[in-house]
């Protein structure tokens, strides 16, 4: 996109565009006339200062004045349930692996980025948990535990199949949330 317009609850906060080459460049990346201006990551993103208001934040990407993409984020309610996403619903019976993304969601299905619930995991059938994580660099809990505290409303479980065909049933629980289960076929 060469321009982005930002909306908060339908109100536009203006359109911004990347100005490249940046002032001080001589037409190419990292080619500067005097005085030299060092490139930074500030050259690679747009930002707005907007007052906080609960609701919907929407960014509309444009190319040559035409809308080409839209991204929305919504204010979430309190954590209400667990949602599971698997990368594959069929794995080999030769110690293959599957990833289960554990999401803490509100009643509308939005991931709650402030949720830090302690999640407990269990597996039945032809598999086992070989790793858990949450992406938090400050969390030093074991990667091979049967539980993990969510970080930004998310955590991950890695499952491994046994050498037998069948099914793996993975369940995630947390106090005060509706639990969730998912099945993965093992062949």
C-alpha atoms as a PDB file:
ATOM      1  CA  UNK A   1       0.000   0.000   0.000  1.00  0.00           C
ATOM      2  CA  UNK A   2       1.205   3.489  -0.686  1.00  0.00           C
ATOM      3  CA  UNK A   3      -1.291   5.090   1.745  1.00  0.00           C
ATOM      4  CA  UNK A   4      -3.304   4.113   4.822  1.00  0.00           C
ATOM      5  CA  UNK A   5      -6.345   5.801   6.348  1.00  0.00           C
ATOM      6  CA  UNK A   6      -7.100   5.174  10.021  1.00  0.00           C
ATOM      7  CA  UNK A   7     -10.622   5.117  11.500  1.00  0.00           C
ATOM      8  CA  UNK A   8     -11.746   4.894  15.138  1.00  0.00           C
ATOM      9  CA  UNK A   9     -15.423   3.948  15.423  1.00  0.00           C
ATOM     10  CA  UNK A  10     -16.003   5.216  11.886  1.00  0.00           C
ATOM     11  CA  UNK A  11     -14.280   8.587  12.385  1.00  0.00           C
ATOM     12  CA  UNK A  12     -11.278   9.184  10.117  1.00  0.00           C
ATOM     13  CA  UNK A  13      -8.010  10.255  11.722  1.00  0.00           C
ATOM     14  CA  UNK A  14      -6.497  11.014   8.347  1.00  0.00           C
ATOM     15  CA  UNK A  15      -4.597   9.342   5.576  1.00  0.00           C
ATOM     16  CA  UNK A  16      -0.832   8.931   5.721  1.00  0.00           C
ATOM     17  CA  UNK A  17       1.644   7.658   3.192  1.00  0.00           C
ATOM     18  CA  UNK A  18       5.247   6.570   3.220  1.00  0.00           C
ATOM     19  CA  UNK A  19       7.504   9.213   1.787  1.00  0.00           C
ATOM     20  CA  UNK A  20      10.264   7.282   0.098  1.00  0.00           C
ATOM     21  CA  UNK A  21      12.905   8.089  -0.665  1.00  0.00           C
ATOM     22  CA  UNK A  22      13.073   9.913   2.662  1.00  0.00           C
ATOM     23  CA  UNK A  23      14.295  13.474   2.787  1.00  0.00           C
ATOM     24  CA  UNK A  24      18.056  13.489   2.371  1.00  0.00           C
ATOM     25  CA  UNK A  25      18.240  10.501   0.056  1.00  0.00           C
ATOM     26  CA  UNK A  26      19.489  10.688  -3.480  1.00  0.00           C
ATOM     27  CA  UNK A  27      16.989   8.312  -5.062  1.00  0.00           C
ATOM     28  CA  UNK A  28      17.904   4.890  -3.694  1.00  0.00           C
ATOM     29  CA  UNK A  29      17.927   3.070  -0.413  1.00  0.00           C
ATOM     30  CA  UNK A  30      20.962   3.971   1.698  1.00  0.00           C
ATOM     31  CA  UNK A  31      22.296   6.487  -0.868  1.00  0.00           C
ATOM     32  CA  UNK A  32      22.469   9.855   0.790  1.00  0.00           C
ATOM     33  CA  UNK A  33      23.578  13.284  -0.292  1.00  0.00           C
ATOM     34  CA  UNK A  34      25.238  15.331   2.438  1.00  0.00           C
ATOM     35  CA  UNK A  35      24.364  15.532   5.264  1.00  0.00           C
ATOM     36  CA  UNK A  36      23.920  11.779   5.753  1.00  0.00           C
ATOM     37  CA  UNK A  37      20.657  10.763   7.402  1.00  0.00           C
ATOM     38  CA  UNK A  38      20.715   7.210   8.728  1.00  0.00           C
ATOM     39  CA  UNK A  39      17.746   5.008   7.802  1.00  0.00           C
ATOM     40  CA  UNK A  40      15.707   3.743  10.732  1.00  0.00           C
ATOM     41  CA  UNK A  41      12.710   1.519  11.259  1.00  0.00           C
ATOM     42  CA  UNK A  42      10.721   4.758  11.412  1.00  0.00           C
ATOM     43  CA  UNK A  43      11.087   4.763   7.630  1.00  0.00           C
ATOM     44  CA  UNK A  44       9.117   1.523   7.423  1.00  0.00           C
ATOM     45  CA  UNK A  45       5.843   2.200   9.266  1.00  0.00           C
ATOM     46  CA  UNK A  46       3.146   4.807   9.758  1.00  0.00           C
ATOM     47  CA  UNK A  47       1.762   5.955  13.104  1.00  0.00           C
ATOM     48  CA  UNK A  48      -1.067   8.106  14.429  1.00  0.00           C
ATOM     49  CA  UNK A  49      -1.701   9.631  17.844  1.00  0.00           C
ATOM     50  CA  UNK A  50      -5.351   8.982  18.677  1.00  0.00           C
ATOM     51  CA  UNK A  51      -7.239   9.218  21.971  1.00  0.00           C
ATOM     52  CA  UNK A  52      -8.336   5.869  23.423  1.00  0.00           C
ATOM     53  CA  UNK A  53     -11.942   5.040  22.780  1.00  0.00           C
ATOM     54  CA  UNK A  54     -13.441   1.547  23.083  1.00  0.00           C
ATOM     55  CA  UNK A  55     -14.798   0.150  19.839  1.00  0.00           C
ATOM     56  CA  UNK A  56     -13.328  -0.590  16.419  1.00  0.00           C
ATOM     57  CA  UNK A  57      -9.974   0.562  15.058  1.00  0.00           C
ATOM     58  CA  UNK A  58      -9.823   0.114  11.268  1.00  0.00           C
ATOM     59  CA  UNK A  59      -6.907   0.694   8.906  1.00  0.00           C
ATOM     60  CA  UNK A  60      -7.716   0.955   5.194  1.00  0.00           C
ATOM     61  CA  UNK A  61      -4.795   0.353   2.835  1.00  0.00           C
ATOM     62  CA  UNK A  62      -4.850   2.092  -0.546  1.00  0.00           C
ATOM     63  CA  UNK A  63      -2.813   1.835  -3.717  1.00  0.00           C
ATOM     64  CA  UNK A  64      -3.233   4.546  -6.336  1.00  0.00           C
ATOM     65  CA  UNK A  65      -6.281   5.785  -4.409  1.00  0.00           C
ATOM     66  CA  UNK A  66      -8.072   2.405  -4.510  1.00  0.00           C
ATOM     67  CA  UNK A  67      -8.787   0.353  -1.369  1.00  0.00           C
ATOM     68  CA  UNK A  68      -6.752  -2.875  -1.514  1.00  0.00           C
ATOM     69  CA  UNK A  69      -6.943  -4.125   2.085  1.00  0.00           C
ATOM     70  CA  UNK A  70      -8.613  -3.494   5.426  1.00  0.00           C
ATOM     71  CA  UNK A  71      -7.588  -4.578   8.925  1.00  0.00           C
ATOM     72  CA  UNK A  72      -9.738  -4.195  12.047  1.00  0.00           C
ATOM     73  CA  UNK A  73      -9.178  -4.690  15.757  1.00  0.00           C
ATOM     74  CA  UNK A  74     -11.904  -4.437  18.372  1.00  0.00           C
ATOM     75  CA  UNK A  75     -11.997  -3.694  22.068  1.00  0.00           C
ATOM     76  CA  UNK A  76     -12.502  -7.006  23.807  1.00  0.00           C
ATOM     77  CA  UNK A  77     -14.749  -7.956  26.655  1.00  0.00           C
ATOM     78  CA  UNK A  78     -13.694 -10.138  29.578  1.00  0.00           C
ATOM     79  CA  UNK A  79     -12.266 -13.598  28.917  1.00  0.00           C
ATOM     80  CA  UNK A  80     -15.093 -16.110  28.489  1.00  0.00           C
ATOM     81  CA  UNK A  81     -13.865 -19.226  26.694  1.00  0.00           C
ATOM     82  CA  UNK A  82     -10.971 -21.123  25.165  1.00  0.00           C
ATOM     83  CA  UNK A  83     -10.662 -21.573  21.394  1.00  0.00           C
ATOM     84  CA  UNK A  84      -8.257 -24.054  19.819  1.00  0.00           C
ATOM     85  CA  UNK A  85      -6.689 -23.838  16.359  1.00  0.00           C
ATOM     86  CA  UNK A  86      -4.712 -26.748  14.938  1.00  0.00           C
ATOM     87  CA  UNK A  87      -2.260 -26.580  12.082  1.00  0.00           C
ATOM     88  CA  UNK A  88      -3.216 -30.074  10.862  1.00  0.00           C
ATOM     89  CA  UNK A  89      -6.108 -32.406  11.615  1.00  0.00           C
ATOM     90  CA  UNK A  90      -4.304 -35.506  10.280  1.00  0.00           C
ATOM     91  CA  UNK A  91      -0.794 -36.602  11.205  1.00  0.00           C
ATOM     92  CA  UNK A  92       1.332 -39.675  10.622  1.00  0.00           C
ATOM     93  CA  UNK A  93       1.621 -42.475  13.179  1.00  0.00           C
ATOM     94  CA  UNK A  94       5.402 -42.150  12.993  1.00  0.00           C
ATOM     95  CA  UNK A  95       5.972 -39.646  15.802  1.00  0.00           C
ATOM     96  CA  UNK A  96       4.681 -36.761  13.678  1.00  0.00           C
ATOM     97  CA  UNK A  97       3.778 -33.468  15.372  1.00  0.00           C
ATOM     98  CA  UNK A  98       0.884 -31.007  15.372  1.00  0.00           C
ATOM     99  CA  UNK A  99       0.681 -27.495  16.814  1.00  0.00           C
ATOM    100  CA  UNK A 100      -2.348 -26.373  18.825  1.00  0.00           C
ATOM    101  CA  UNK A 101      -2.785 -22.621  19.297  1.00  0.00           C
ATOM    102  CA  UNK A 102      -4.717 -21.977  22.497  1.00  0.00           C
ATOM    103  CA  UNK A 103      -6.642 -18.692  22.399  1.00  0.00           C
ATOM    104  CA  UNK A 104      -8.511 -17.020  25.247  1.00  0.00           C
ATOM    105  CA  UNK A 105     -11.530 -15.256  23.741  1.00  0.00           C
ATOM    106  CA  UNK A 106     -14.414 -13.041  24.835  1.00  0.00           C
ATOM    107  CA  UNK A 107     -18.097 -13.803  24.158  1.00  0.00           C
ATOM    108  CA  UNK A 108     -17.749 -12.357  20.634  1.00  0.00           C
ATOM    109  CA  UNK A 109     -14.785 -14.614  19.778  1.00  0.00           C
ATOM    110  CA  UNK A 110     -12.128 -11.874  19.968  1.00  0.00           C
ATOM    111  CA  UNK A 111      -8.752 -12.827  21.453  1.00  0.00           C
ATOM    112  CA  UNK A 112      -8.362 -11.056  24.812  1.00  0.00           C
ATOM    113  CA  UNK A 113      -4.825  -9.595  24.694  1.00  0.00           C
ATOM    114  CA  UNK A 114      -4.743  -8.918  28.447  1.00  0.00           C
ATOM    115  CA  UNK A 115      -5.580 -12.517  29.444  1.00  0.00           C
ATOM    116  CA  UNK A 116      -2.878 -14.302  31.446  1.00  0.00           C
ATOM    117  CA  UNK A 117      -4.887 -17.297  32.647  1.00  0.00           C
ATOM    118  CA  UNK A 118      -3.105 -20.446  33.795  1.00  0.00           C
ATOM    119  CA  UNK A 119      -4.010 -23.089  31.204  1.00  0.00           C
ATOM    120  CA  UNK A 120      -3.999 -26.841  31.948  1.00  0.00           C
ATOM    121  CA  UNK A 121      -3.671 -29.358  29.126  1.00  0.00           C
ATOM    122  CA  UNK A 122      -4.500 -33.041  28.788  1.00  0.00           C
ATOM    123  CA  UNK A 123      -4.201 -35.592  25.995  1.00  0.00           C
ATOM    124  CA  UNK A 124      -6.036 -38.864  25.419  1.00  0.00           C
ATOM    125  CA  UNK A 125      -5.385 -41.433  22.713  1.00  0.00           C
ATOM    126  CA  UNK A 126      -2.418 -41.928  20.418  1.00  0.00           C
ATOM    127  CA  UNK A 127      -0.275 -38.949  21.356  1.00  0.00           C
ATOM    128  CA  UNK A 128       1.384 -36.852  24.005  1.00  0.00           C
ATOM    129  CA  UNK A 129       2.336 -33.255  24.727  1.00  0.00           C
ATOM    130  CA  UNK A 130       6.006 -32.687  23.910  1.00  0.00           C
ATOM    131  CA  UNK A 131       6.118 -28.935  24.440  1.00  0.00           C
ATOM    132  CA  UNK A 132       4.208 -25.865  25.578  1.00  0.00           C
ATOM    133  CA  UNK A 133       5.028 -22.179  25.184  1.00  0.00           C
ATOM    134  CA  UNK A 134       3.455 -18.741  25.316  1.00  0.00           C
ATOM    135  CA  UNK A 135       5.970 -16.445  23.600  1.00  0.00           C
ATOM    136  CA  UNK A 136       6.722 -14.492  26.770  1.00  0.00           C
ATOM    137  CA  UNK A 137      10.494 -13.940  26.966  1.00  0.00           C
ATOM    138  CA  UNK A 138      10.227 -13.409  30.751  1.00  0.00           C
ATOM    139  CA  UNK A 139       8.501 -16.751  31.370  1.00  0.00           C
ATOM    140  CA  UNK A 140      10.993 -19.391  32.492  1.00  0.00           C
ATOM    141  CA  UNK A 141       8.525 -22.214  33.144  1.00  0.00           C
ATOM    142  CA  UNK A 142       9.320 -25.632  31.714  1.00  0.00           C
ATOM    143  CA  UNK A 143       8.528 -26.180  28.054  1.00  0.00           C
ATOM    144  CA  UNK A 144       7.537 -29.756  28.898  1.00  0.00           C
ATOM    145  CA  UNK A 145       4.890 -29.033  31.520  1.00  0.00           C
ATOM    146  CA  UNK A 146       1.196 -29.891  31.300  1.00  0.00           C
ATOM    147  CA  UNK A 147       0.252 -26.265  31.967  1.00  0.00           C
ATOM    148  CA  UNK A 148       1.275 -22.784  30.882  1.00  0.00           C
ATOM    149  CA  UNK A 149       0.188 -19.239  31.680  1.00  0.00           C
ATOM    150  CA  UNK A 150      -1.227 -17.429  28.638  1.00  0.00           C
ATOM    151  CA  UNK A 151       0.631 -14.404  27.291  1.00  0.00           C
ATOM    152  CA  UNK A 152      -1.367 -11.796  25.362  1.00  0.00           C
ATOM    153  CA  UNK A 153      -4.272 -14.246  25.434  1.00  0.00           C
ATOM    154  CA  UNK A 154      -2.327 -17.020  23.684  1.00  0.00           C
ATOM    155  CA  UNK A 155      -0.248 -20.114  24.273  1.00  0.00           C
ATOM    156  CA  UNK A 156       0.878 -23.102  22.234  1.00  0.00           C
ATOM    157  CA  UNK A 157       0.950 -26.853  22.746  1.00  0.00           C
ATOM    158  CA  UNK A 158       2.963 -29.188  20.536  1.00  0.00           C
ATOM    159  CA  UNK A 159       1.613 -32.727  20.268  1.00  0.00           C
ATOM    160  CA  UNK A 160       3.426 -35.828  19.024  1.00  0.00           C
ATOM    161  CA  UNK A 161       1.773 -38.984  17.755  1.00  0.00           C
ATOM    162  CA  UNK A 162       2.647 -42.449  18.982  1.00  0.00           C
ATOM    163  CA  UNK A 163       3.475 -45.276  16.596  1.00  0.00           C
ATOM    164  CA  UNK A 164      -0.177 -46.409  16.458  1.00  0.00           C
ATOM    165  CA  UNK A 165      -3.102 -45.213  14.348  1.00  0.00           C
ATOM    166  CA  UNK A 166      -6.116 -43.699  16.061  1.00  0.00           C
ATOM    167  CA  UNK A 167      -6.967 -40.268  17.411  1.00  0.00           C
ATOM    168  CA  UNK A 168      -5.465 -37.693  19.714  1.00  0.00           C
ATOM    169  CA  UNK A 169      -7.920 -35.729  21.845  1.00  0.00           C
ATOM    170  CA  UNK A 170      -6.415 -32.530  23.259  1.00  0.00           C
ATOM    171  CA  UNK A 171      -8.257 -30.557  25.953  1.00  0.00           C
ATOM    172  CA  UNK A 172      -7.423 -27.132  27.392  1.00  0.00           C
ATOM    173  CA  UNK A 173      -8.919 -25.886  30.665  1.00  0.00           C
ATOM    174  CA  UNK A 174      -8.677 -22.788  32.823  1.00  0.00           C
ATOM    175  CA  UNK A 175     -10.598 -21.733  35.896  1.00  0.00           C
ATOM    176  CA  UNK A 176     -13.577 -19.553  34.992  1.00  0.00           C
ATOM    177  CA  UNK A 177     -13.420 -20.288  31.244  1.00  0.00           C
ATOM    178  CA  UNK A 178     -15.358 -22.701  29.081  1.00  0.00           C
ATOM    179  CA  UNK A 179     -12.950 -25.538  28.215  1.00  0.00           C
ATOM    180  CA  UNK A 180     -12.220 -26.648  24.664  1.00  0.00           C
ATOM    181  CA  UNK A 181     -11.177 -29.903  22.998  1.00  0.00           C
ATOM    182  CA  UNK A 182      -9.965 -30.850  19.550  1.00  0.00           C
ATOM    183  CA  UNK A 183      -9.303 -34.187  17.859  1.00  0.00           C
ATOM    184  CA  UNK A 184      -6.472 -35.018  15.487  1.00  0.00           C
ATOM    185  CA  UNK A 185      -6.512 -38.195  13.401  1.00  0.00           C
ATOM    186  CA  UNK A 186      -3.382 -40.361  13.480  1.00  0.00           C
ATOM    187  CA  UNK A 187      -2.767 -42.671  10.485  1.00  0.00           C
END
